[in-house]
Amino acid sequence: MTRNRQKGFTLLELLIALSIFVVLSTMAYQGLSNLLLTRDILEEKARELHELQMVFMVMGNDLQQAVARTVVVEGGKQESAFLGGEQSNRWVILTRAGRPNPMGDSRSELQRVAWLFEEGALIRRSWKQLDAMGSNPYQDETMVKGILNLEVLFWDEGGGRFPTWPKETSKVSLQDVLPRGVEVAIEKRGVGHLRRLFELPPAPKWL
């Protein structure tokens, strides 16, 4: 009779197999880790881009509903319907229509709003009242952070672009017409440069 002999792995064979398994496991882990890291980076960039697009939507809604309505500020002084650039510490301030009124309160549908750029943040400011009768409380909402640079230009009817509005070349009047367009260029960390041109509605000198 022939005895059945059971053959097993030698210690050297086990060490080689174990080494191959460790190498393959390490490669698989590194590949999976890089894939997850890339996914997280893409998701973060997509979130930041979506956040900025939402800011542009709110900004465009304000600008496209601008009306040529001057306001009375604290101290009883009149302020132009639309100011931009170096005329104010806010890069744009305007009167807009379409103010929501879900409670049906007895008040104007017009609202005074401003956009500020402070310490890398875009802030939207809205006043409680259109005209100030004494103090006029306001509310600030930080729309987005991480802004590296902001550039704003105002377009007139002839296609000219100006860093301030009312135009430096014209006589400043409380009844100046609105610009026809506002060009906004934003550089945001993690997103890069984005530029938008908002067309403003034609408006009479007084509303």
Foldseek 3Di string as FASTA:
>chain_A
DDDDDDDDDDPVVVVVVVVVVVVVVVVVVVVVVVVVVVVVLVVVLVVQVVLVVVVVVVVLQFQQQFAFAWAQEAPRDIDAQWKAAPVDQFRIKHKGAQQDDVPPDPAGRIWIWTWHQDQQWIKIKTWPHRYDPHDIDIDIDTSDGQWPDKAKWFAAPVGDTARIPPHPVDDDDSQDWGTQKMKMWIQGPSHGIDIDIHGYDGYHSHD
